[in-house]
PDB file of N, CA and C in Angstrom:
ATOM      1  N   MET A   1    -261.702  88.891-179.262  1.00  0.00           N
ATOM      2  CA  MET A   1    -260.983  90.121-179.027  1.00  0.00           C
ATOM      3  C   MET A   1    -262.002  91.214-178.724  1.00  0.00           C
ATOM      4  N   THR A   2    -261.631  92.182-177.899  1.00  0.00           N
ATOM      5  CA  THR A   2    -262.552  93.231-177.482  1.00  0.00           C
ATOM      6  C   THR A   2    -262.298  94.516-178.236  1.00  0.00           C
ATOM      7  N   ALA A   3    -263.026  95.554-177.845  1.00  0.00           N
ATOM      8  CA  ALA A   3    -262.899  96.857-178.507  1.00  0.00           C
ATOM      9  C   ALA A   3    -261.505  97.444-178.363  1.00  0.00           C
ATOM     10  N   THR A   4    -260.773  97.052-177.318  1.00  0.00           N
ATOM     11  CA  THR A   4    -259.431  97.600-177.137  1.00  0.00           C
ATOM     12  C   THR A   4    -258.427  96.923-178.037  1.00  0.00           C
ATOM     13  N   GLY A   5    -258.785  95.783-178.592  1.00  0.00           N
ATOM     14  CA  GLY A   5    -257.855  95.062-179.451  1.00  0.00           C
ATOM     15  C   GLY A   5    -256.789  94.321-178.663  1.00  0.00           C
ATOM     16  N   ARG A   6    -256.953  94.228-177.355  1.00  0.00           N
ATOM     17  CA  ARG A   6    -255.941  93.587-176.518  1.00  0.00           C
ATOM     18  C   ARG A   6    -256.438  92.309-175.867  1.00  0.00           C
ATOM     19  N   GLY A   7    -257.668  91.906-176.137  1.00  0.00           N
ATOM     20  CA  GLY A   7    -258.170  90.655-175.607  1.00  0.00           C
ATOM     21  C   GLY A   7    -258.808  90.781-174.240  1.00  0.00           C
ATOM     22  N   ALA A   8    -258.743  91.928-173.589  1.00  0.00           N
ATOM     23  CA  ALA A   8    -259.359  92.133-172.285  1.00  0.00           C
ATOM     24  C   ALA A   8    -260.431  93.203-172.420  1.00  0.00           C
ATOM     25  N   PRO A   9    -261.449  93.136-171.580  1.00  0.00           N
ATOM     26  CA  PRO A   9    -262.500  94.142-171.676  1.00  0.00           C
ATOM     27  C   PRO A   9    -261.946  95.538-171.453  1.00  0.00           C
ATOM     28  N   GLY A  10    -262.414  96.485-172.224  1.00  0.00           N
ATOM     29  CA  GLY A  10    -261.994  97.877-172.070  1.00  0.00           C
ATOM     30  C   GLY A  10    -262.826  98.560-171.010  1.00  0.00           C
ATOM     31  N   PRO A  11    -262.421  99.744-170.590  1.00  0.00           N
ATOM     32  CA  PRO A  11    -263.182 100.471-169.587  1.00  0.00           C
ATOM     33  C   PRO A  11    -264.524 100.922-170.156  1.00  0.00           C
ATOM     34  N   PRO A  12    -265.519 101.072-169.286  1.00  0.00           N
ATOM     35  CA  PRO A  12    -266.832 101.509-169.765  1.00  0.00           C
ATOM     36  C   PRO A  12    -266.793 103.000-170.083  1.00  0.00           C
ATOM     37  N   ASP A  13    -266.461 103.352-171.301  1.00  0.00           N
ATOM     38  CA  ASP A  13    -266.270 104.751-171.676  1.00  0.00           C
ATOM     39  C   ASP A  13    -267.502 105.375-172.304  1.00  0.00           C
ATOM     40  N   GLY A  14    -268.510 104.623-172.576  1.00  0.00           N
ATOM     41  CA  GLY A  14    -269.694 105.181-173.209  1.00  0.00           C
ATOM     42  C   GLY A  14    -269.703 104.890-174.694  1.00  0.00           C
ATOM     43  N   PRO A  15    -270.800 105.161-175.342  1.00  0.00           N
ATOM     44  CA  PRO A  15    -270.959 104.780-176.738  1.00  0.00           C
ATOM     45  C   PRO A  15    -270.103 105.577-177.723  1.00  0.00           C
ATOM     46  N   ALA A  16    -269.669 106.804-177.395  1.00  0.00           N
ATOM     47  CA  ALA A  16    -268.920 107.622-178.355  1.00  0.00           C
ATOM     48  C   ALA A  16    -267.445 107.245-178.416  1.00  0.00           C
ATOM     49  N   THR A  17    -266.946 106.563-177.396  1.00  0.00           N
ATOM     50  CA  THR A  17    -265.527 106.238-177.352  1.00  0.00           C
ATOM     51  C   THR A  17    -265.256 104.963-178.139  1.00  0.00           C
ATOM     52  N   ARG A  18    -264.191 104.999-178.940  1.00  0.00           N
ATOM     53  CA  ARG A  18    -263.775 103.849-179.739  1.00  0.00           C
ATOM     54  C   ARG A  18    -262.309 103.594-179.478  1.00  0.00           C
ATOM     55  N   TYR A  19    -261.856 102.457-179.925  1.00  0.00           N
ATOM     56  CA  TYR A  19    -260.443 102.119-179.796  1.00  0.00           C
ATOM     57  C   TYR A  19    -259.886 101.820-181.175  1.00  0.00           C
ATOM     58  N   PHE A  20    -258.720 102.395-181.472  1.00  0.00           N
ATOM     59  CA  PHE A  20    -258.026 102.163-182.730  1.00  0.00           C
ATOM     60  C   PHE A  20    -256.608 101.766-182.372  1.00  0.00           C
ATOM     61  N   CYS A  21    -256.198 100.571-182.742  1.00  0.00           N
ATOM     62  CA  CYS A  21    -254.872 100.045-182.395  1.00  0.00           C
ATOM     63  C   CYS A  21    -254.642 100.100-180.892  1.00  0.00           C
ATOM     64  N   GLY A  22    -255.696  99.843-180.120  1.00  0.00           N
ATOM     65  CA  GLY A  22    -255.566  99.836-178.667  1.00  0.00           C
ATOM     66  C   GLY A  22    -255.534 101.216-178.039  1.00  0.00           C
ATOM     67  N   VAL A  23    -255.722 102.275-178.826  1.00  0.00           N
ATOM     68  CA  VAL A  23    -255.690 103.637-178.310  1.00  0.00           C
ATOM     69  C   VAL A  23    -257.099 104.190-178.292  1.00  0.00           C
ATOM     70  N   ARG A  24    -257.479 104.792-177.190  1.00  0.00           N
ATOM     71  CA  ARG A  24    -258.819 105.350-177.045  1.00  0.00           C
ATOM     72  C   ARG A  24    -258.943 106.597-177.925  1.00  0.00           C
ATOM     73  N   THR A  25    -259.999 106.636-178.726  1.00  0.00           N
ATOM     74  CA  THR A  25    -260.273 107.800-179.577  1.00  0.00           C
ATOM     75  C   THR A  25    -261.755 108.136-179.483  1.00  0.00           C
ATOM     76  N   GLU A  26    -262.082 109.356-179.780  1.00  0.00           N
ATOM     77  CA  GLU A  26    -263.486 109.759-179.781  1.00  0.00           C
ATOM     78  C   GLU A  26    -264.160 109.429-181.105  1.00  0.00           C
ATOM     79  N   THR A  27    -263.371 109.353-182.174  1.00  0.00           N
ATOM     80  CA  THR A  27    -263.908 109.018-183.491  1.00  0.00           C
ATOM     81  C   THR A  27    -262.938 108.079-184.172  1.00  0.00           C
ATOM     82  N   GLU A  28    -263.404 107.455-185.229  1.00  0.00           N
ATOM     83  CA  GLU A  28    -262.513 106.634-186.042  1.00  0.00           C
ATOM     84  C   GLU A  28    -261.531 107.564-186.750  1.00  0.00           C
ATOM     85  N   PRO A  29    -260.272 107.149-186.935  1.00  0.00           N
ATOM     86  CA  PRO A  29    -259.328 108.000-187.662  1.00  0.00           C
ATOM     87  C   PRO A  29    -259.835 108.404-189.042  1.00  0.00           C
ATOM     88  N   SER A  30    -260.579 107.522-189.702  1.00  0.00           N
ATOM     89  CA  SER A  30    -261.084 107.848-191.033  1.00  0.00           C
ATOM     90  C   SER A  30    -262.180 108.904-190.980  1.00  0.00           C
ATOM     91  N   ASP A  31    -262.733 109.175-189.795  1.00  0.00           N
ATOM     92  CA  ASP A  31    -263.762 110.197-189.635  1.00  0.00           C
ATOM     93  C   ASP A  31    -263.168 111.576-189.390  1.00  0.00           C
ATOM     94  N   ALA A  32    -261.851 111.673-189.311  1.00  0.00           N
ATOM     95  CA  ALA A  32    -261.204 112.949-189.002  1.00  0.00           C
ATOM     96  C   ALA A  32    -261.373 113.917-190.169  1.00  0.00           C
ATOM     97  N   PRO A  33    -261.604 115.193-189.847  1.00  0.00           N
ATOM     98  CA  PRO A  33    -261.707 116.178-190.926  1.00  0.00           C
ATOM     99  C   PRO A  33    -260.339 116.435-191.567  1.00  0.00           C
ATOM    100  N   PRO A  34    -260.311 116.922-192.798  1.00  0.00           N
ATOM    101  CA  PRO A  34    -259.047 117.188-193.487  1.00  0.00           C
ATOM    102  C   PRO A  34    -258.092 118.085-192.692  1.00  0.00           C
ATOM    103  N   ALA A  35    -258.631 118.999-191.921  1.00  0.00           N
ATOM    104  CA  ALA A  35    -257.767 119.884-191.124  1.00  0.00           C
ATOM    105  C   ALA A  35    -256.934 119.083-190.124  1.00  0.00           C
ATOM    106  N   ASP A  36    -257.490 117.986-189.599  1.00  0.00           N
ATOM    107  CA  ASP A  36    -256.728 117.136-188.679  1.00  0.00           C
ATOM    108  C   ASP A  36    -255.558 116.478-189.390  1.00  0.00           C
ATOM    109  N   TYR A  37    -255.768 116.050-190.621  1.00  0.00           N
ATOM    110  CA  TYR A  37    -254.694 115.439-191.397  1.00  0.00           C
ATOM    111  C   TYR A  37    -253.608 116.463-191.715  1.00  0.00           C
ATOM    112  N   GLU A  38    -254.023 117.671-192.014  1.00  0.00           N
ATOM    113  CA  GLU A  38    -253.059 118.751-192.286  1.00  0.00           C
ATOM    114  C   GLU A  38    -252.218 119.029-191.042  1.00  0.00           C
ATOM    115  N   ALA A  39    -252.868 119.120-189.885  1.00  0.00           N
ATOM    116  CA  ALA A  39    -252.146 119.377-188.639  1.00  0.00           C
ATOM    117  C   ALA A  39    -251.189 118.228-188.320  1.00  0.00           C
ATOM    118  N   ALA A  40    -251.625 116.994-188.549  1.00  0.00           N
ATOM    119  CA  ALA A  40    -250.758 115.837-188.314  1.00  0.00           C
ATOM    120  C   ALA A  40    -249.558 115.869-189.258  1.00  0.00           C
ATOM    121  N   GLY A  41    -249.786 116.273-190.497  1.00  0.00           N
ATOM    122  CA  GLY A  41    -248.690 116.391-191.459  1.00  0.00           C
ATOM    123  C   GLY A  41    -247.677 117.432-191.026  1.00  0.00           C
ATOM    124  N   GLU A  42    -248.140 118.569-190.500  1.00  0.00           N
ATOM    125  CA  GLU A  42    -247.235 119.612-190.005  1.00  0.00           C
ATOM    126  C   GLU A  42    -246.414 119.093-188.827  1.00  0.00           C
ATOM    127  N   LEU A  43    -247.054 118.359-187.951  1.00  0.00           N
ATOM    128  CA  LEU A  43    -246.348 117.783-186.809  1.00  0.00           C
ATOM    129  C   LEU A  43    -245.255 116.833-187.280  1.00  0.00           C
ATOM    130  N   LEU A  44    -245.598 115.951-188.205  1.00  0.00           N
ATOM    131  CA  LEU A  44    -244.619 114.980-188.695  1.00  0.00           C
ATOM    132  C   LEU A  44    -243.493 115.655-189.480  1.00  0.00           C
ATOM    133  N   ARG A  45    -243.800 116.734-190.199  1.00  0.00           N
ATOM    134  CA  ARG A  45    -242.737 117.477-190.896  1.00  0.00           C
ATOM    135  C   ARG A  45    -241.768 118.097-189.900  1.00  0.00           C
ATOM    136  N   ALA A  46    -242.290 118.608-188.789  1.00  0.00           N
ATOM    137  CA  ALA A  46    -241.424 119.205-187.763  1.00  0.00           C
ATOM    138  C   ALA A  46    -240.519 118.155-187.131  1.00  0.00           C
ATOM    139  N   LEU A  47    -240.960 116.910-187.115  1.00  0.00           N
ATOM    140  CA  LEU A  47    -240.174 115.828-186.521  1.00  0.00           C
ATOM    141  C   LEU A  47    -239.280 115.118-187.535  1.00  0.00           C
ATOM    142  N   ALA A  48    -239.276 115.575-188.780  1.00  0.00           N
ATOM    143  CA  ALA A  48    -238.626 114.840-189.867  1.00  0.00           C
ATOM    144  C   ALA A  48    -237.101 114.841-189.826  1.00  0.00           C
ATOM    145  N   ALA A  49    -236.479 115.721-189.085  1.00  0.00           N
ATOM    146  CA  ALA A  49    -235.011 115.781-189.037  1.00  0.00           C
ATOM    147  C   ALA A  49    -234.480 114.861-187.949  1.00  0.00           C
ATOM    148  N   PRO A  50    -233.456 114.056-188.239  1.00  0.00           N
ATOM    149  CA  PRO A  50    -232.898 113.145-187.234  1.00  0.00           C
ATOM    150  C   PRO A  50    -232.463 113.849-185.943  1.00  0.00           C
ATOM    151  N   LEU A  51    -231.906 115.052-186.049  1.00  0.00           N
ATOM    152  CA  LEU A  51    -231.488 115.757-184.834  1.00  0.00           C
ATOM    153  C   LEU A  51    -232.697 116.175-183.996  1.00  0.00           C
ATOM    154  N   ARG A  52    -233.784 116.553-184.639  1.00  0.00           N
ATOM    155  CA  ARG A  52    -234.986 116.907-183.877  1.00  0.00           C
ATOM    156  C   ARG A  52    -235.557 115.680-183.182  1.00  0.00           C
ATOM    157  N   ILE A  53    -235.472 114.528-183.823  1.00  0.00           N
ATOM    158  CA  ILE A  53    -235.909 113.287-183.170  1.00  0.00           C
ATOM    159  C   ILE A  53    -235.031 113.013-181.952  1.00  0.00           C
ATOM    160  N   ALA A  54    -233.729 113.198-182.096  1.00  0.00           N
ATOM    161  CA  ALA A  54    -232.809 112.990-180.963  1.00  0.00           C
ATOM    162  C   ALA A  54    -233.106 113.966-179.828  1.00  0.00           C
ATOM    163  N   ILE A  55    -233.427 115.203-180.162  1.00  0.00           N
ATOM    164  CA  ILE A  55    -233.764 116.196-179.128  1.00  0.00           C
ATOM    165  C   ILE A  55    -235.032 115.774-178.397  1.00  0.00           C
ATOM    166  N   VAL A  56    -236.043 115.348-179.144  1.00  0.00           N
ATOM    167  CA  VAL A  56    -237.294 114.899-178.506  1.00  0.00           C
ATOM    168  C   VAL A  56    -237.028 113.697-177.613  1.00  0.00           C
ATOM    169  N   MET A  57    -236.193 112.762-178.055  1.00  0.00           N
ATOM    170  CA  MET A  57    -235.860 111.602-177.213  1.00  0.00           C
ATOM    171  C   MET A  57    -235.180 112.056-175.916  1.00  0.00           C
ATOM    172  N   GLU A  58    -234.302 113.049-176.002  1.00  0.00           N
ATOM    173  CA  GLU A  58    -233.651 113.589-174.801  1.00  0.00           C
ATOM    174  C   GLU A  58    -234.675 114.227-173.877  1.00  0.00           C
ATOM    175  N   LEU A  59    -235.574 115.018-174.446  1.00  0.00           N
ATOM    176  CA  LEU A  59    -236.571 115.714-173.630  1.00  0.00           C
ATOM    177  C   LEU A  59    -237.637 114.770-173.086  1.00  0.00           C
ATOM    178  N   ALA A  60    -237.764 113.589-173.681  1.00  0.00           N
ATOM    179  CA  ALA A  60    -238.705 112.597-173.146  1.00  0.00           C
ATOM    180  C   ALA A  60    -238.272 112.141-171.757  1.00  0.00           C
ATOM    181  N   GLU A  61    -236.982 112.266-171.464  1.00  0.00           N
ATOM    182  CA  GLU A  61    -236.459 111.908-170.146  1.00  0.00           C
ATOM    183  C   GLU A  61    -236.723 112.992-169.109  1.00  0.00           C
ATOM    184  N   GLY A  62    -237.047 114.194-169.568  1.00  0.00           N
ATOM    185  CA  GLY A  62    -237.321 115.306-168.664  1.00  0.00           C
ATOM    186  C   GLY A  62    -236.747 116.591-169.217  1.00  0.00           C
ATOM    187  N   PRO A  63    -237.085 117.719-168.598  1.00  0.00           N
ATOM    188  CA  PRO A  63    -236.605 119.019-169.073  1.00  0.00           C
ATOM    189  C   PRO A  63    -235.083 119.095-169.079  1.00  0.00           C
ATOM    190  N   LYS A  64    -234.558 119.820-170.061  1.00  0.00           N
ATOM    191  CA  LYS A  64    -233.103 119.960-170.188  1.00  0.00           C
ATOM    192  C   LYS A  64    -232.783 121.374-170.662  1.00  0.00           C
ATOM    193  N   TYR A  65    -231.610 121.857-170.227  1.00  0.00           N
ATOM    194  CA  TYR A  65    -231.082 123.117-170.731  1.00  0.00           C
ATOM    195  C   TYR A  65    -230.378 122.848-172.055  1.00  0.00           C
ATOM    196  N   VAL A  66    -230.233 123.907-172.856  1.00  0.00           N
ATOM    197  CA  VAL A  66    -229.601 123.771-174.163  1.00  0.00           C
ATOM    198  C   VAL A  66    -228.207 123.164-174.030  1.00  0.00           C
ATOM    199  N   HIS A  67    -227.423 123.641-173.056  1.00  0.00           N
ATOM    200  CA  HIS A  67    -226.052 123.116-172.918  1.00  0.00           C
ATOM    201  C   HIS A  67    -226.034 121.623-172.614  1.00  0.00           C
ATOM    202  N   GLN A  68    -227.044 121.111-171.928  1.00  0.00           N
ATOM    203  CA  GLN A  68    -227.123 119.674-171.657  1.00  0.00           C
ATOM    204  C   GLN A  68    -227.401 118.897-172.940  1.00  0.00           C
ATOM    205  N   ILE A  69    -228.275 119.426-173.771  1.00  0.00           N
ATOM    206  CA  ILE A  69    -228.591 118.772-175.049  1.00  0.00           C
ATOM    207  C   ILE A  69    -227.356 118.789-175.944  1.00  0.00           C
ATOM    208  N   VAL A  70    -226.656 119.922-175.972  1.00  0.00           N
ATOM    209  CA  VAL A  70    -225.433 120.058-176.774  1.00  0.00           C
ATOM    210  C   VAL A  70    -224.401 119.019-176.350  1.00  0.00           C
ATOM    211  N   GLU A  71    -224.190 118.884-175.050  1.00  0.00           N
ATOM    212  CA  GLU A  71    -223.202 117.922-174.540  1.00  0.00           C
ATOM    213  C   GLU A  71    -223.599 116.491-174.862  1.00  0.00           C
ATOM    214  N   THR A  72    -224.843 116.156-174.636  1.00  0.00           N
ATOM    215  CA  THR A  72    -225.308 114.782-174.851  1.00  0.00           C
ATOM    216  C   THR A  72    -225.257 114.381-176.324  1.00  0.00           C
ATOM    217  N   LEU A  73    -225.688 115.284-177.199  1.00  0.00           N
ATOM    218  CA  LEU A  73    -225.773 114.948-178.622  1.00  0.00           C
ATOM    219  C   LEU A  73    -224.508 115.282-179.398  1.00  0.00           C
ATOM    220  N   ALA A  74    -223.570 115.952-178.743  1.00  0.00           N
ATOM    221  CA  ALA A  74    -222.271 116.298-179.352  1.00  0.00           C
ATOM    222  C   ALA A  74    -222.433 117.081-180.658  1.00  0.00           C
ATOM    223  N   VAL A  75    -223.279 118.100-180.603  1.00  0.00           N
ATOM    224  CA  VAL A  75    -223.460 119.019-181.728  1.00  0.00           C
ATOM    225  C   VAL A  75    -223.310 120.443-181.209  1.00  0.00           C
ATOM    226  N   THR A  76    -223.263 121.401-182.113  1.00  0.00           N
ATOM    227  CA  THR A  76    -223.038 122.779-181.695  1.00  0.00           C
ATOM    228  C   THR A  76    -224.299 123.411-181.098  1.00  0.00           C
ATOM    229  N   GLN A  77    -224.083 124.402-180.265  1.00  0.00           N
ATOM    230  CA  GLN A  77    -225.193 125.112-179.628  1.00  0.00           C
ATOM    231  C   GLN A  77    -226.081 125.821-180.655  1.00  0.00           C
ATOM    232  N   PRO A  78    -225.512 126.507-181.664  1.00  0.00           N
ATOM    233  CA  PRO A  78    -226.393 127.141-182.648  1.00  0.00           C
ATOM    234  C   PRO A  78    -227.279 126.136-183.389  1.00  0.00           C
ATOM    235  N   LEU A  79    -226.747 124.952-183.670  1.00  0.00           N
ATOM    236  CA  LEU A  79    -227.536 123.935-184.364  1.00  0.00           C
ATOM    237  C   LEU A  79    -228.686 123.441-183.487  1.00  0.00           C
ATOM    238  N   VAL A  80    -228.404 123.199-182.218  1.00  0.00           N
ATOM    239  CA  VAL A  80    -229.460 122.767-181.290  1.00  0.00           C
ATOM    240  C   VAL A  80    -230.513 123.866-181.164  1.00  0.00           C
ATOM    241  N   SER A  81    -230.066 125.104-181.020  1.00  0.00           N
ATOM    242  CA  SER A  81    -231.011 126.219-180.888  1.00  0.00           C
ATOM    243  C   SER A  81    -231.898 126.347-182.118  1.00  0.00           C
ATOM    244  N   GLN A  82    -231.326 126.161-183.296  1.00  0.00           N
ATOM    245  CA  GLN A  82    -232.093 126.237-184.535  1.00  0.00           C
ATOM    246  C   GLN A  82    -233.184 125.165-184.559  1.00  0.00           C
ATOM    247  N   HIS A  83    -232.841 123.949-184.179  1.00  0.00           N
ATOM    248  CA  HIS A  83    -233.826 122.864-184.185  1.00  0.00           C
ATOM    249  C   HIS A  83    -234.863 123.042-183.079  1.00  0.00           C
ATOM    250  N   LEU A  84    -234.445 123.564-181.932  1.00  0.00           N
ATOM    251  CA  LEU A  84    -235.412 123.843-180.862  1.00  0.00           C
ATOM    252  C   LEU A  84    -236.411 124.915-181.308  1.00  0.00           C
ATOM    253  N   ARG A  85    -235.951 125.873-182.082  1.00  0.00           N
ATOM    254  CA  ARG A  85    -236.836 126.926-182.605  1.00  0.00           C
ATOM    255  C   ARG A  85    -237.925 126.304-183.492  1.00  0.00           C
ATOM    256  N   VAL A  86    -237.547 125.347-184.322  1.00  0.00           N
ATOM    257  CA  VAL A  86    -238.528 124.653-185.172  1.00  0.00           C
ATOM    258  C   VAL A  86    -239.517 123.870-184.310  1.00  0.00           C
ATOM    259  N   LEU A  87    -239.000 123.167-183.316  1.00  0.00           N
ATOM    260  CA  LEU A  87    -239.864 122.373-182.442  1.00  0.00           C
ATOM    261  C   LEU A  87    -240.809 123.262-181.633  1.00  0.00           C
ATOM    262  N   ARG A  88    -240.314 124.418-181.194  1.00  0.00           N
ATOM    263  CA  ARG A  88    -241.187 125.360-180.475  1.00  0.00           C
ATOM    264  C   ARG A  88    -242.265 125.899-181.396  1.00  0.00           C
ATOM    265  N   GLY A  89    -241.884 126.266-182.614  1.00  0.00           N
ATOM    266  CA  GLY A  89    -242.844 126.790-183.574  1.00  0.00           C
ATOM    267  C   GLY A  89    -243.937 125.792-183.918  1.00  0.00           C
ATOM    268  N   ALA A  90    -243.606 124.513-183.855  1.00  0.00           N
ATOM    269  CA  ALA A  90    -244.582 123.455-184.147  1.00  0.00           C
ATOM    270  C   ALA A  90    -245.408 123.067-182.920  1.00  0.00           C
ATOM    271  N   GLY A  91    -245.122 123.691-181.791  1.00  0.00           N
ATOM    272  CA  GLY A  91    -245.877 123.375-180.581  1.00  0.00           C
ATOM    273  C   GLY A  91    -245.495 122.054-179.951  1.00  0.00           C
ATOM    274  N   ILE A  92    -244.264 121.624-180.173  1.00  0.00           N
ATOM    275  CA  ILE A  92    -243.796 120.339-179.653  1.00  0.00           C
ATOM    276  C   ILE A  92    -243.063 120.517-178.331  1.00  0.00           C
ATOM    277  N   VAL A  93    -242.287 121.601-178.221  1.00  0.00           N
ATOM    278  CA  VAL A  93    -241.557 121.881-176.983  1.00  0.00           C
ATOM    279  C   VAL A  93    -241.894 123.285-176.492  1.00  0.00           C
ATOM    280  N   ARG A  94    -241.615 123.497-175.224  1.00  0.00           N
ATOM    281  CA  ARG A  94    -241.756 124.836-174.640  1.00  0.00           C
ATOM    282  C   ARG A  94    -240.484 125.161-173.884  1.00  0.00           C
ATOM    283  N   GLY A  95    -240.171 126.420-173.829  1.00  0.00           N
ATOM    284  CA  GLY A  95    -238.996 126.875-173.100  1.00  0.00           C
ATOM    285  C   GLY A  95    -239.401 127.668-171.887  1.00  0.00           C
ATOM    286  N   THR A  96    -238.707 127.422-170.762  1.00  0.00           N
ATOM    287  CA  THR A  96    -238.952 128.153-169.522  1.00  0.00           C
ATOM    288  C   THR A  96    -237.646 128.801-169.105  1.00  0.00           C
ATOM    289  N   ARG A  97    -237.659 130.130-169.050  1.00  0.00           N
ATOM    290  CA  ARG A  97    -236.443 130.871-168.707  1.00  0.00           C
ATOM    291  C   ARG A  97    -236.157 130.755-167.215  1.00  0.00           C
ATOM    292  N   SER A  98    -234.876 130.513-166.917  1.00  0.00           N
ATOM    293  CA  SER A  98    -234.390 130.455-165.538  1.00  0.00           C
ATOM    294  C   SER A  98    -233.082 131.241-165.512  1.00  0.00           C
ATOM    295  N   GLY A  99    -233.174 132.514-165.191  1.00  0.00           N
ATOM    296  CA  GLY A  99    -231.987 133.365-165.246  1.00  0.00           C
ATOM    297  C   GLY A  99    -231.579 133.582-166.688  1.00  0.00           C
ATOM    298  N   ARG A 100    -230.354 133.221-167.001  1.00  0.00           N
ATOM    299  CA  ARG A 100    -229.851 133.393-168.370  1.00  0.00           C
ATOM    300  C   ARG A 100    -230.083 132.169-169.244  1.00  0.00           C
ATOM    301  N   GLU A 101    -230.564 131.085-168.655  1.00  0.00           N
ATOM    302  CA  GLU A 101    -230.750 129.850-169.419  1.00  0.00           C
ATOM    303  C   GLU A 101    -232.225 129.565-169.636  1.00  0.00           C
ATOM    304  N   ILE A 102    -232.482 128.743-170.650  1.00  0.00           N
ATOM    305  CA  ILE A 102    -233.846 128.302-170.939  1.00  0.00           C
ATOM    306  C   ILE A 102    -233.880 126.786-170.833  1.00  0.00           C
ATOM    307  N   SER A 103    -234.813 126.299-170.037  1.00  0.00           N
ATOM    308  CA  SER A 103    -235.025 124.859-169.901  1.00  0.00           C
ATOM    309  C   SER A 103    -236.129 124.469-170.872  1.00  0.00           C
ATOM    310  N   TYR A 104    -235.867 123.446-171.670  1.00  0.00           N
ATOM    311  CA  TYR A 104    -236.838 122.982-172.654  1.00  0.00           C
ATOM    312  C   TYR A 104    -237.478 121.688-172.189  1.00  0.00           C
ATOM    313  N   SER A 105    -238.771 121.556-172.489  1.00  0.00           N
ATOM    314  CA  SER A 105    -239.498 120.333-172.161  1.00  0.00           C
ATOM    315  C   SER A 105    -240.541 120.087-173.247  1.00  0.00           C
ATOM    316  N   LEU A 106    -241.013 118.854-173.308  1.00  0.00           N
ATOM    317  CA  LEU A 106    -242.066 118.507-174.267  1.00  0.00           C
ATOM    318  C   LEU A 106    -243.387 119.088-173.785  1.00  0.00           C
ATOM    319  N   ILE A 107    -244.209 119.504-174.728  1.00  0.00           N
ATOM    320  CA  ILE A 107    -245.529 120.042-174.385  1.00  0.00           C
ATOM    321  C   ILE A 107    -246.392 118.950-173.753  1.00  0.00           C
ATOM    322  N   ASP A 108    -246.351 117.742-174.326  1.00  0.00           N
ATOM    323  CA  ASP A 108    -247.100 116.621-173.751  1.00  0.00           C
ATOM    324  C   ASP A 108    -246.428 115.301-174.106  1.00  0.00           C
ATOM    325  N   ASP A 109    -246.876 114.240-173.469  1.00  0.00           N
ATOM    326  CA  ASP A 109    -246.265 112.924-173.654  1.00  0.00           C
ATOM    327  C   ASP A 109    -246.603 112.274-174.990  1.00  0.00           C
ATOM    328  N   HIS A 110    -247.622 112.758-175.693  1.00  0.00           N
ATOM    329  CA  HIS A 110    -247.974 112.156-176.981  1.00  0.00           C
ATOM    330  C   HIS A 110    -246.797 112.188-177.942  1.00  0.00           C
ATOM    331  N   ILE A 111    -246.080 113.290-177.957  1.00  0.00           N
ATOM    332  CA  ILE A 111    -244.942 113.430-178.871  1.00  0.00           C
ATOM    333  C   ILE A 111    -243.873 112.401-178.531  1.00  0.00           C
ATOM    334  N   ALA A 112    -243.600 112.215-177.249  1.00  0.00           N
ATOM    335  CA  ALA A 112    -242.604 111.222-176.838  1.00  0.00           C
ATOM    336  C   ALA A 112    -243.002 109.839-177.315  1.00  0.00           C
ATOM    337  N   HIS A 113    -244.282 109.517-177.229  1.00  0.00           N
ATOM    338  CA  HIS A 113    -244.753 108.201-177.678  1.00  0.00           C
ATOM    339  C   HIS A 113    -244.587 108.038-179.181  1.00  0.00           C
ATOM    340  N   ILE A 114    -244.935 109.076-179.934  1.00  0.00           N
ATOM    341  CA  ILE A 114    -244.816 109.012-181.394  1.00  0.00           C
ATOM    342  C   ILE A 114    -243.368 108.765-181.793  1.00  0.00           C
ATOM    343  N   VAL A 115    -242.466 109.551-181.226  1.00  0.00           N
ATOM    344  CA  VAL A 115    -241.053 109.458-181.595  1.00  0.00           C
ATOM    345  C   VAL A 115    -240.443 108.152-181.097  1.00  0.00           C
ATOM    346  N   THR A 116    -240.742 107.774-179.879  1.00  0.00           N
ATOM    347  CA  THR A 116    -240.213 106.517-179.339  1.00  0.00           C
ATOM    348  C   THR A 116    -240.684 105.335-180.168  1.00  0.00           C
ATOM    349  N   ASP A 117    -241.967 105.314-180.521  1.00  0.00           N
ATOM    350  CA  ASP A 117    -242.484 104.230-181.352  1.00  0.00           C
ATOM    351  C   ASP A 117    -241.786 104.194-182.706  1.00  0.00           C
ATOM    352  N   ALA A 118    -241.557 105.363-183.300  1.00  0.00           N
ATOM    353  CA  ALA A 118    -240.887 105.418-184.600  1.00  0.00           C
ATOM    354  C   ALA A 118    -239.457 104.893-184.503  1.00  0.00           C
ATOM    355  N   VAL A 119    -238.744 105.265-183.452  1.00  0.00           N
ATOM    356  CA  VAL A 119    -237.356 104.812-183.281  1.00  0.00           C
ATOM    357  C   VAL A 119    -237.322 103.299-183.062  1.00  0.00           C
ATOM    358  N   TYR A 120    -238.195 102.790-182.211  1.00  0.00           N
ATOM    359  CA  TYR A 120    -238.220 101.343-181.977  1.00  0.00           C
ATOM    360  C   TYR A 120    -238.639 100.585-183.226  1.00  0.00           C
ATOM    361  N   HIS A 121    -239.563 101.134-183.984  1.00  0.00           N
ATOM    362  CA  HIS A 121    -239.976 100.505-185.223  1.00  0.00           C
ATOM    363  C   HIS A 121    -238.793 100.435-186.199  1.00  0.00           C
ATOM    364  N   ALA A 122    -238.030 101.523-186.279  1.00  0.00           N
ATOM    365  CA  ALA A 122    -236.855 101.532-187.172  1.00  0.00           C
ATOM    366  C   ALA A 122    -235.842 100.478-186.729  1.00  0.00           C
ATOM    367  N   ARG A 123    -235.673 100.280-185.430  1.00  0.00           N
ATOM    368  CA  ARG A 123    -234.763  99.250-184.933  1.00  0.00           C
ATOM    369  C   ARG A 123    -235.223  97.857-185.337  1.00  0.00           C
ATOM    370  N   GLU A 124    -236.539  97.623-185.292  1.00  0.00           N
ATOM    371  CA  GLU A 124    -237.085  96.317-185.648  1.00  0.00           C
ATOM    372  C   GLU A 124    -236.855  95.981-187.115  1.00  0.00           C
ATOM    373  N   GLU A 125    -236.817  97.001-187.955  1.00  0.00           N
ATOM    374  CA  GLU A 125    -236.667  96.807-189.397  1.00  0.00           C
ATOM    375  C   GLU A 125    -235.244  96.376-189.770  1.00  0.00           C
ATOM    376  N   ARG A 126    -234.286  96.608-188.888  1.00  0.00           N
ATOM    377  CA  ARG A 126    -232.896  96.256-189.215  1.00  0.00           C
ATOM    378  C   ARG A 126    -232.601  94.819-188.930  1.00  0.00           C
TER     379      ARG A 126
END
């Protein structure tokens, strides 16, 4: 097995790059400073509500307006707005105003991967 953990040679990234669970990292996870663990904990706390996970899964498909999220998830607009406020505060989503509406999107694809992996893992456990 190689450094990527996938059985095939990894790209020549140089001596500082490592692979953990097949993911390229600059350091070993155990080498992370405590502040990184604190930030990761804040991120996971922001994702801890089932409705916020559902919102992130919706936004993983692409930007959406609040009314689209409300229709898809069959919940009230104030509830969606409240959860979007938490996700924005955590730096997970961003809002872009277009006239009277705001289109929400994920800040980056890492969040989609985290949430998608968690949902698929939960399915495997059943």
